[in-house]
Amino acid sequence: MELRSAFNEWGRFTEGRFVDQQWLLAKWEVCEGVVWPAEKIDVMIDLITKRLDTGLNDRLVDLGCGGGWMLKRLAPECGYAVGLDFSAQMIGNALKIDAGDVLLQGEIGRLPFKDNSFDRALCYFVLINMMEDSDVERSIIDMMRILKPGGSLLIGQLPDKAKSKEYDAAKAQYREFCSQTYGLGADLRDVNRMPQKLFDIPALVSFLEKNDIHFTKMPSFNPFYRAGESSTVEWRLDFLLRK
């Protein structure tokens, strides 16, 4: 699969270079030299933790865990933490930082888990790479399958097609900020480009309703967050799905 090969290549490229931040560098902060301040990471993890409402007895799975650094931060908030990614290289990177209790290679849509296996599931910065609606829909059904009754799934960072111009403007402003703050190195996305889907949000909502999936739609974490700014944005969306 072309996408799997791209992520394996990215994992090899970043191994040992960006430690536990290589995954997000691939998605948003595309130029070498840009860093995520600790406060920014804390704000994002806090938002995700509160939305998932994890407990110390919960079984959590991070679907599309990449290099595992988000899972490593979330694992202490639950009783048992599993990470899954379709890239063997990414799983290898996650193993090196001891990201969770179990790390394995697998594909969303064909998850290697039994029904009703997890209390909480996370799929963040992942569905953005699935260009076909049918793949997104099949993945959602499969992720809901592995949730226990009463469980929750947080899917996040879904770009709203109707607000793509707002995202473009925010990105341009953030790039200028980074240029002044850090000085920008090589544009890594020119070499390691990943597809990014723009979501028809009304169509996604219609799919969830037709399949009787209970959900809450929320503004997503601001990937261009700076101290003093809002931690969420309207041009990226999170969906909290409940079983």
C-alpha atoms as a PDB file:
ATOM      1  CA  MET A   1       0.000   0.000   0.000  1.00  0.00           C
ATOM      2  CA  GLU A   2       1.395   3.388  -1.022  1.00  0.00           C
ATOM      3  CA  LEU A   3       0.350   5.139   2.196  1.00  0.00           C
ATOM      4  CA  ARG A   4       1.876   2.429   4.377  1.00  0.00           C
ATOM      5  CA  SER A   5       5.143   2.743   2.458  1.00  0.00           C
ATOM      6  CA  ALA A   6       5.087   6.515   2.931  1.00  0.00           C
ATOM      7  CA  PHE A   7       4.693   6.178   6.699  1.00  0.00           C
ATOM      8  CA  ASN A   8       7.391   3.512   6.890  1.00  0.00           C
ATOM      9  CA  GLU A   9       9.699   5.859   4.990  1.00  0.00           C
ATOM     10  CA  TRP A  10       8.799   8.733   7.310  1.00  0.00           C
ATOM     11  CA  GLY A  11       9.408   6.549  10.353  1.00  0.00           C
ATOM     12  CA  ARG A  12      12.865   5.617   9.095  1.00  0.00           C
ATOM     13  CA  PHE A  13      13.654   9.239   8.264  1.00  0.00           C
ATOM     14  CA  THR A  14      12.657  10.528  11.700  1.00  0.00           C
ATOM     15  CA  GLU A  15      14.042   7.677  13.802  1.00  0.00           C
ATOM     16  CA  GLY A  16      16.456   9.146  16.326  1.00  0.00           C
ATOM     17  CA  ARG A  17      16.040  12.659  14.926  1.00  0.00           C
ATOM     18  CA  PHE A  18      12.830  13.958  16.456  1.00  0.00           C
ATOM     19  CA  VAL A  19      12.548  11.427  19.300  1.00  0.00           C
ATOM     20  CA  ASP A  20       8.859  11.361  20.283  1.00  0.00           C
ATOM     21  CA  GLN A  21       7.519  14.220  18.155  1.00  0.00           C
ATOM     22  CA  GLN A  22       8.145  12.916  14.643  1.00  0.00           C
ATOM     23  CA  TRP A  23       4.521  11.965  14.067  1.00  0.00           C
ATOM     24  CA  LEU A  24       3.106  15.448  14.496  1.00  0.00           C
ATOM     25  CA  LEU A  25       5.942  17.000  12.570  1.00  0.00           C
ATOM     26  CA  ALA A  26       4.773  14.945   9.609  1.00  0.00           C
ATOM     27  CA  LYS A  27       1.277  16.385   9.821  1.00  0.00           C
ATOM     28  CA  TRP A  28       1.534  20.024  10.791  1.00  0.00           C
ATOM     29  CA  GLU A  29       4.893  21.507  11.585  1.00  0.00           C
ATOM     30  CA  VAL A  30       6.503  20.698   8.352  1.00  0.00           C
ATOM     31  CA  CYS A  31       9.780  22.565   8.604  1.00  0.00           C
ATOM     32  CA  GLU A  32      12.830  21.355  10.402  1.00  0.00           C
ATOM     33  CA  GLY A  33      13.636  23.506  13.408  1.00  0.00           C
ATOM     34  CA  VAL A  34      10.042  23.992  14.599  1.00  0.00           C
ATOM     35  CA  VAL A  35       9.334  22.535  18.032  1.00  0.00           C
ATOM     36  CA  TRP A  36       6.212  21.947  20.088  1.00  0.00           C
ATOM     37  CA  PRO A  37       6.645  23.727  23.426  1.00  0.00           C
ATOM     38  CA  ALA A  38       5.843  21.606  26.481  1.00  0.00           C
ATOM     39  CA  GLU A  39       2.851  23.813  27.282  1.00  0.00           C
ATOM     40  CA  LYS A  40       1.336  23.150  23.850  1.00  0.00           C
ATOM     41  CA  ILE A  41       1.666  19.385  24.262  1.00  0.00           C
ATOM     42  CA  ASP A  42       0.200  19.590  27.768  1.00  0.00           C
ATOM     43  CA  VAL A  43      -2.817  21.550  26.493  1.00  0.00           C
ATOM     44  CA  MET A  44      -3.529  18.975  23.781  1.00  0.00           C
ATOM     45  CA  ILE A  45      -3.127  15.937  26.051  1.00  0.00           C
ATOM     46  CA  ASP A  46      -5.312  17.561  28.696  1.00  0.00           C
ATOM     47  CA  LEU A  47      -8.059  18.227  26.148  1.00  0.00           C
ATOM     48  CA  ILE A  48      -7.943  14.642  24.840  1.00  0.00           C
ATOM     49  CA  THR A  49      -7.893  13.156  28.343  1.00  0.00           C
ATOM     50  CA  LYS A  50     -10.910  15.178  29.441  1.00  0.00           C
ATOM     51  CA  ARG A  51     -12.890  14.287  26.323  1.00  0.00           C
ATOM     52  CA  LEU A  52     -12.119  10.592  26.662  1.00  0.00           C
ATOM     53  CA  ASP A  53     -12.755  10.768  30.428  1.00  0.00           C
ATOM     54  CA  THR A  54     -10.288   7.957  31.068  1.00  0.00           C
ATOM     55  CA  GLY A  55     -10.212   6.132  34.393  1.00  0.00           C
ATOM     56  CA  LEU A  56      -7.592   3.998  36.083  1.00  0.00           C
ATOM     57  CA  ASN A  57      -9.599   0.833  35.416  1.00  0.00           C
ATOM     58  CA  ASP A  58     -10.135   1.557  31.709  1.00  0.00           C
ATOM     59  CA  ARG A  59      -8.640  -0.321  28.799  1.00  0.00           C
ATOM     60  CA  LEU A  60      -7.481   2.245  26.202  1.00  0.00           C
ATOM     61  CA  VAL A  61      -6.396   1.711  22.598  1.00  0.00           C
ATOM     62  CA  ASP A  62      -4.690   4.375  20.473  1.00  0.00           C
ATOM     63  CA  LEU A  63      -5.569   3.520  16.874  1.00  0.00           C
ATOM     64  CA  GLY A  64      -2.978   4.932  14.483  1.00  0.00           C
ATOM     65  CA  CYS A  65      -0.558   5.582  17.336  1.00  0.00           C
ATOM     66  CA  GLY A  66       2.391   6.462  15.093  1.00  0.00           C
ATOM     67  CA  GLY A  67       5.600   6.837  17.075  1.00  0.00           C
ATOM     68  CA  GLY A  68       3.627   6.402  20.283  1.00  0.00           C
ATOM     69  CA  TRP A  69       4.360   9.623  22.133  1.00  0.00           C
ATOM     70  CA  MET A  70       0.699  10.520  22.681  1.00  0.00           C
ATOM     71  CA  LEU A  71      -0.015   7.025  23.989  1.00  0.00           C
ATOM     72  CA  LYS A  72       2.947   7.317  26.351  1.00  0.00           C
ATOM     73  CA  ARG A  73       1.386  10.451  27.840  1.00  0.00           C
ATOM     74  CA  LEU A  74      -2.103   8.923  28.054  1.00  0.00           C
ATOM     75  CA  ALA A  75      -1.126   5.508  29.433  1.00  0.00           C
ATOM     76  CA  PRO A  76      -0.776   6.606  33.097  1.00  0.00           C
ATOM     77  CA  GLU A  77      -4.400   7.820  32.998  1.00  0.00           C
ATOM     78  CA  CYS A  78      -5.801   4.324  32.398  1.00  0.00           C
ATOM     79  CA  GLY A  79      -5.369   0.758  33.556  1.00  0.00           C
ATOM     80  CA  TYR A  80      -4.158  -0.839  30.318  1.00  0.00           C
ATOM     81  CA  ALA A  81      -2.885   0.925  27.192  1.00  0.00           C
ATOM     82  CA  VAL A  82      -2.578  -0.556  23.700  1.00  0.00           C
ATOM     83  CA  GLY A  83      -1.139   1.105  20.606  1.00  0.00           C
ATOM     84  CA  LEU A  84      -1.798   0.032  17.024  1.00  0.00           C
ATOM     85  CA  ASP A  85      -0.422   1.354  13.744  1.00  0.00           C
ATOM     86  CA  PHE A  86      -0.272  -0.058  10.236  1.00  0.00           C
ATOM     87  CA  SER A  87       3.375   1.029   9.855  1.00  0.00           C
ATOM     88  CA  ALA A  88       5.855  -1.505  11.225  1.00  0.00           C
ATOM     89  CA  GLN A  89       8.499   1.224  11.371  1.00  0.00           C
ATOM     90  CA  MET A  90       6.282   3.457  13.474  1.00  0.00           C
ATOM     91  CA  ILE A  91       5.549   0.613  15.875  1.00  0.00           C
ATOM     92  CA  GLY A  92       9.292   0.019  16.119  1.00  0.00           C
ATOM     93  CA  ASN A  93       9.786   3.669  17.031  1.00  0.00           C
ATOM     94  CA  ALA A  94       7.002   3.452  19.639  1.00  0.00           C
ATOM     95  CA  LEU A  95       8.619   0.375  21.193  1.00  0.00           C
ATOM     96  CA  LYS A  96      11.816   2.332  21.755  1.00  0.00           C
ATOM     97  CA  ILE A  97      10.031   4.829  23.987  1.00  0.00           C
ATOM     98  CA  ASP A  98       7.941   2.213  25.857  1.00  0.00           C
ATOM     99  CA  ALA A  99       4.749   3.896  24.740  1.00  0.00           C
ATOM    100  CA  GLY A 100       2.181   1.404  26.095  1.00  0.00           C
ATOM    101  CA  ASP A 101       1.550  -1.994  27.606  1.00  0.00           C
ATOM    102  CA  VAL A 102       1.106  -3.582  24.159  1.00  0.00           C
ATOM    103  CA  LEU A 103       2.133  -2.261  20.719  1.00  0.00           C
ATOM    104  CA  LEU A 104       1.210  -4.066  17.542  1.00  0.00           C
ATOM    105  CA  GLN A 105       0.906  -3.639  13.812  1.00  0.00           C
ATOM    106  CA  GLY A 106      -2.607  -3.689  12.395  1.00  0.00           C
ATOM    107  CA  GLU A 107      -5.057  -1.879  10.172  1.00  0.00           C
ATOM    108  CA  ILE A 108      -8.095   0.171  11.150  1.00  0.00           C
ATOM    109  CA  GLY A 109     -11.043  -1.388   9.365  1.00  0.00           C
ATOM    110  CA  ARG A 110      -9.611  -4.855   9.999  1.00  0.00           C
ATOM    111  CA  LEU A 111      -8.713  -4.483  13.659  1.00  0.00           C
ATOM    112  CA  PRO A 112      -7.180  -7.571  15.308  1.00  0.00           C
ATOM    113  CA  PHE A 113      -9.342  -7.257  18.426  1.00  0.00           C
ATOM    114  CA  LYS A 114     -12.438  -9.046  19.645  1.00  0.00           C
ATOM    115  CA  ASP A 115     -15.763  -7.271  19.966  1.00  0.00           C
ATOM    116  CA  ASN A 116     -16.233  -5.229  23.157  1.00  0.00           C
ATOM    117  CA  SER A 117     -12.535  -5.151  24.041  1.00  0.00           C
ATOM    118  CA  PHE A 118     -11.912  -1.541  25.138  1.00  0.00           C
ATOM    119  CA  ASP A 119     -13.488   1.105  27.352  1.00  0.00           C
ATOM    120  CA  ARG A 120     -11.864   3.985  25.489  1.00  0.00           C
ATOM    121  CA  ALA A 121     -10.419   4.381  21.994  1.00  0.00           C
ATOM    122  CA  LEU A 122      -8.517   7.254  20.393  1.00  0.00           C
ATOM    123  CA  CYS A 123      -8.014   7.924  16.688  1.00  0.00           C
ATOM    124  CA  TYR A 124      -6.337  11.329  16.401  1.00  0.00           C
ATOM    125  CA  PHE A 125      -4.588  12.801  13.351  1.00  0.00           C
ATOM    126  CA  VAL A 126      -5.410   9.533  11.534  1.00  0.00           C
ATOM    127  CA  LEU A 127      -8.615   9.632   9.467  1.00  0.00           C
ATOM    128  CA  ILE A 128      -7.205  12.737   7.800  1.00  0.00           C
ATOM    129  CA  ASN A 129      -5.083  10.345   5.721  1.00  0.00           C
ATOM    130  CA  MET A 130      -8.024   8.253   4.431  1.00  0.00           C
ATOM    131  CA  MET A 131      -9.096   9.849   1.181  1.00  0.00           C
ATOM    132  CA  GLU A 132     -12.152   7.684   0.447  1.00  0.00           C
ATOM    133  CA  ASP A 133     -15.376   8.113   2.414  1.00  0.00           C
ATOM    134  CA  SER A 134     -15.919   4.355   2.255  1.00  0.00           C
ATOM    135  CA  ASP A 135     -12.624   3.752   4.089  1.00  0.00           C
ATOM    136  CA  VAL A 136     -13.528   6.279   6.782  1.00  0.00           C
ATOM    137  CA  GLU A 137     -16.969   4.747   7.264  1.00  0.00           C
ATOM    138  CA  ARG A 138     -15.638   1.181   7.393  1.00  0.00           C
ATOM    139  CA  SER A 139     -13.046   2.282   9.934  1.00  0.00           C
ATOM    140  CA  ILE A 140     -15.617   3.933  12.187  1.00  0.00           C
ATOM    141  CA  ILE A 141     -17.818   0.816  12.184  1.00  0.00           C
ATOM    142  CA  ASP A 142     -14.811  -1.349  13.035  1.00  0.00           C
ATOM    143  CA  MET A 143     -13.650   0.965  15.828  1.00  0.00           C
ATOM    144  CA  MET A 144     -17.128   0.997  17.343  1.00  0.00           C
ATOM    145  CA  ARG A 145     -17.158  -2.816  17.207  1.00  0.00           C
ATOM    146  CA  ILE A 146     -14.236  -3.135  19.620  1.00  0.00           C
ATOM    147  CA  LEU A 147     -15.747  -0.739  22.181  1.00  0.00           C
ATOM    148  CA  LYS A 148     -17.430  -2.138  25.252  1.00  0.00           C
ATOM    149  CA  PRO A 149     -21.036  -1.074  25.877  1.00  0.00           C
ATOM    150  CA  GLY A 150     -20.831   2.370  27.441  1.00  0.00           C
ATOM    151  CA  GLY A 151     -17.409   2.948  25.891  1.00  0.00           C
ATOM    152  CA  SER A 152     -16.231   6.052  24.037  1.00  0.00           C
ATOM    153  CA  LEU A 153     -14.223   6.671  20.874  1.00  0.00           C
ATOM    154  CA  LEU A 154     -12.614  10.049  20.175  1.00  0.00           C
ATOM    155  CA  ILE A 155     -11.811  10.660  16.516  1.00  0.00           C
ATOM    156  CA  GLY A 156     -10.068  13.953  15.989  1.00  0.00           C
ATOM    157  CA  GLN A 157      -8.470  16.549  13.775  1.00  0.00           C
ATOM    158  CA  LEU A 158     -10.969  16.155  10.943  1.00  0.00           C
ATOM    159  CA  PRO A 159     -10.514  19.055   8.505  1.00  0.00           C
ATOM    160  CA  ASP A 160     -13.813  20.750   7.651  1.00  0.00           C
ATOM    161  CA  LYS A 161     -13.952  21.191   3.889  1.00  0.00           C
ATOM    162  CA  ALA A 162     -16.329  24.139   4.272  1.00  0.00           C
ATOM    163  CA  LYS A 163     -13.741  26.014   6.363  1.00  0.00           C
ATOM    164  CA  SER A 164     -10.536  25.181   4.493  1.00  0.00           C
ATOM    165  CA  LYS A 165      -9.831  28.861   3.727  1.00  0.00           C
ATOM    166  CA  GLU A 166      -9.856  29.612   7.453  1.00  0.00           C
ATOM    167  CA  TYR A 167      -7.304  26.851   7.982  1.00  0.00           C
ATOM    168  CA  ASP A 168      -5.106  28.178   5.164  1.00  0.00           C
ATOM    169  CA  ALA A 169      -5.114  31.653   6.721  1.00  0.00           C
ATOM    170  CA  ALA A 170      -4.276  30.293  10.177  1.00  0.00           C
ATOM    171  CA  LYS A 171      -1.460  28.184   8.774  1.00  0.00           C
ATOM    172  CA  ALA A 172       0.050  31.158   6.940  1.00  0.00           C
ATOM    173  CA  GLN A 173       0.019  33.199  10.159  1.00  0.00           C
ATOM    174  CA  TYR A 174       1.561  30.353  12.115  1.00  0.00           C
ATOM    175  CA  ARG A 175       4.269  29.834   9.515  1.00  0.00           C
ATOM    176  CA  GLU A 176       5.212  33.493   9.819  1.00  0.00           C
ATOM    177  CA  PHE A 177       5.308  33.162  13.616  1.00  0.00           C
ATOM    178  CA  CYS A 178       7.564  30.105  13.344  1.00  0.00           C
ATOM    179  CA  SER A 179       9.841  31.875  10.893  1.00  0.00           C
ATOM    180  CA  GLN A 180      10.344  34.725  13.339  1.00  0.00           C
ATOM    181  CA  THR A 181      10.536  32.525  16.455  1.00  0.00           C
ATOM    182  CA  TYR A 182      12.573  29.504  15.362  1.00  0.00           C
ATOM    183  CA  GLY A 183      13.970  30.144  11.931  1.00  0.00           C
ATOM    184  CA  LEU A 184      12.760  27.556   9.467  1.00  0.00           C
ATOM    185  CA  GLY A 185      14.870  24.743   8.117  1.00  0.00           C
ATOM    186  CA  ALA A 186      14.124  22.334   5.277  1.00  0.00           C
ATOM    187  CA  ASP A 187      10.475  21.785   4.366  1.00  0.00           C
ATOM    188  CA  LEU A 188      10.137  18.116   5.267  1.00  0.00           C
ATOM    189  CA  ARG A 189       6.712  17.747   3.681  1.00  0.00           C
ATOM    190  CA  ASP A 190       8.204  18.372   0.244  1.00  0.00           C
ATOM    191  CA  VAL A 191       9.955  15.016   0.601  1.00  0.00           C
ATOM    192  CA  ASN A 192       7.556  13.172   2.910  1.00  0.00           C
ATOM    193  CA  ARG A 193       4.165  14.281   1.649  1.00  0.00           C
ATOM    194  CA  MET A 194       1.061  12.586   3.038  1.00  0.00           C
ATOM    195  CA  PRO A 195      -2.480  12.916   1.655  1.00  0.00           C
ATOM    196  CA  GLN A 196      -4.873  15.019   3.703  1.00  0.00           C
ATOM    197  CA  LYS A 197      -8.615  14.594   3.394  1.00  0.00           C
ATOM    198  CA  LEU A 198     -11.097  17.457   3.633  1.00  0.00           C
ATOM    199  CA  PHE A 199     -14.269  16.177   5.296  1.00  0.00           C
ATOM    200  CA  ASP A 200     -17.816  16.811   4.177  1.00  0.00           C
ATOM    201  CA  ILE A 201     -19.043  17.197   7.745  1.00  0.00           C
ATOM    202  CA  PRO A 202     -22.793  17.057   6.983  1.00  0.00           C
ATOM    203  CA  ALA A 203     -22.219  13.799   5.089  1.00  0.00           C
ATOM    204  CA  LEU A 204     -20.275  12.349   8.028  1.00  0.00           C
ATOM    205  CA  VAL A 205     -23.015  13.380  10.451  1.00  0.00           C
ATOM    206  CA  SER A 206     -25.606  11.750   8.174  1.00  0.00           C
ATOM    207  CA  PHE A 207     -23.592   8.498   8.154  1.00  0.00           C
ATOM    208  CA  LEU A 208     -23.399   8.444  11.959  1.00  0.00           C
ATOM    209  CA  GLU A 209     -27.109   9.110  12.316  1.00  0.00           C
ATOM    210  CA  LYS A 210     -28.061   6.438   9.782  1.00  0.00           C
ATOM    211  CA  ASN A 211     -25.991   3.902  11.696  1.00  0.00           C
ATOM    212  CA  ASP A 212     -27.508   4.962  15.024  1.00  0.00           C
ATOM    213  CA  ILE A 213     -24.131   6.009  16.426  1.00  0.00           C
ATOM    214  CA  HIS A 214     -24.449   8.465  19.285  1.00  0.00           C
ATOM    215  CA  PHE A 215     -21.996  11.343  18.940  1.00  0.00           C
ATOM    216  CA  THR A 216     -20.997  14.810  20.070  1.00  0.00           C
ATOM    217  CA  LYS A 217     -19.291  17.160  17.613  1.00  0.00           C
ATOM    218  CA  MET A 218     -16.700  19.550  19.070  1.00  0.00           C
ATOM    219  CA  PRO A 219     -14.029  22.037  17.965  1.00  0.00           C
ATOM    220  CA  SER A 220     -10.664  20.312  17.741  1.00  0.00           C
ATOM    221  CA  PHE A 221      -7.325  21.137  19.361  1.00  0.00           C
ATOM    222  CA  ASN A 222      -5.621  24.082  17.710  1.00  0.00           C
ATOM    223  CA  PRO A 223      -2.522  22.631  16.004  1.00  0.00           C
ATOM    224  CA  PHE A 224      -1.169  26.176  15.694  1.00  0.00           C
ATOM    225  CA  TYR A 225      -1.683  26.919  19.377  1.00  0.00           C
ATOM    226  CA  ARG A 226       0.427  29.602  21.041  1.00  0.00           C
ATOM    227  CA  ALA A 227       0.303  30.767  24.644  1.00  0.00           C
ATOM    228  CA  GLY A 228      -2.654  33.060  25.223  1.00  0.00           C
ATOM    229  CA  GLU A 229      -4.626  31.798  22.231  1.00  0.00           C
ATOM    230  CA  SER A 230      -7.701  29.588  22.135  1.00  0.00           C
ATOM    231  CA  SER A 231      -6.853  25.916  22.576  1.00  0.00           C
ATOM    232  CA  THR A 232      -9.503  24.861  20.025  1.00  0.00           C
ATOM    233  CA  VAL A 233     -10.471  25.833  16.484  1.00  0.00           C
ATOM    234  CA  GLU A 234     -13.655  25.530  14.429  1.00  0.00           C
ATOM    235  CA  TRP A 235     -11.963  24.481  11.168  1.00  0.00           C
ATOM    236  CA  ARG A 236     -10.874  21.143  12.666  1.00  0.00           C
ATOM    237  CA  LEU A 237     -13.430  18.916  14.398  1.00  0.00           C
ATOM    238  CA  ASP A 238     -13.453  16.142  16.986  1.00  0.00           C
ATOM    239  CA  PHE A 239     -16.261  13.603  17.259  1.00  0.00           C
ATOM    240  CA  LEU A 240     -16.838  11.749  20.511  1.00  0.00           C
ATOM    241  CA  LEU A 241     -18.734   8.553  19.676  1.00  0.00           C
ATOM    242  CA  ARG A 242     -20.473   6.500  22.353  1.00  0.00           C
ATOM    243  CA  LYS A 243     -21.591   2.895  22.320  1.00  0.00           C
END
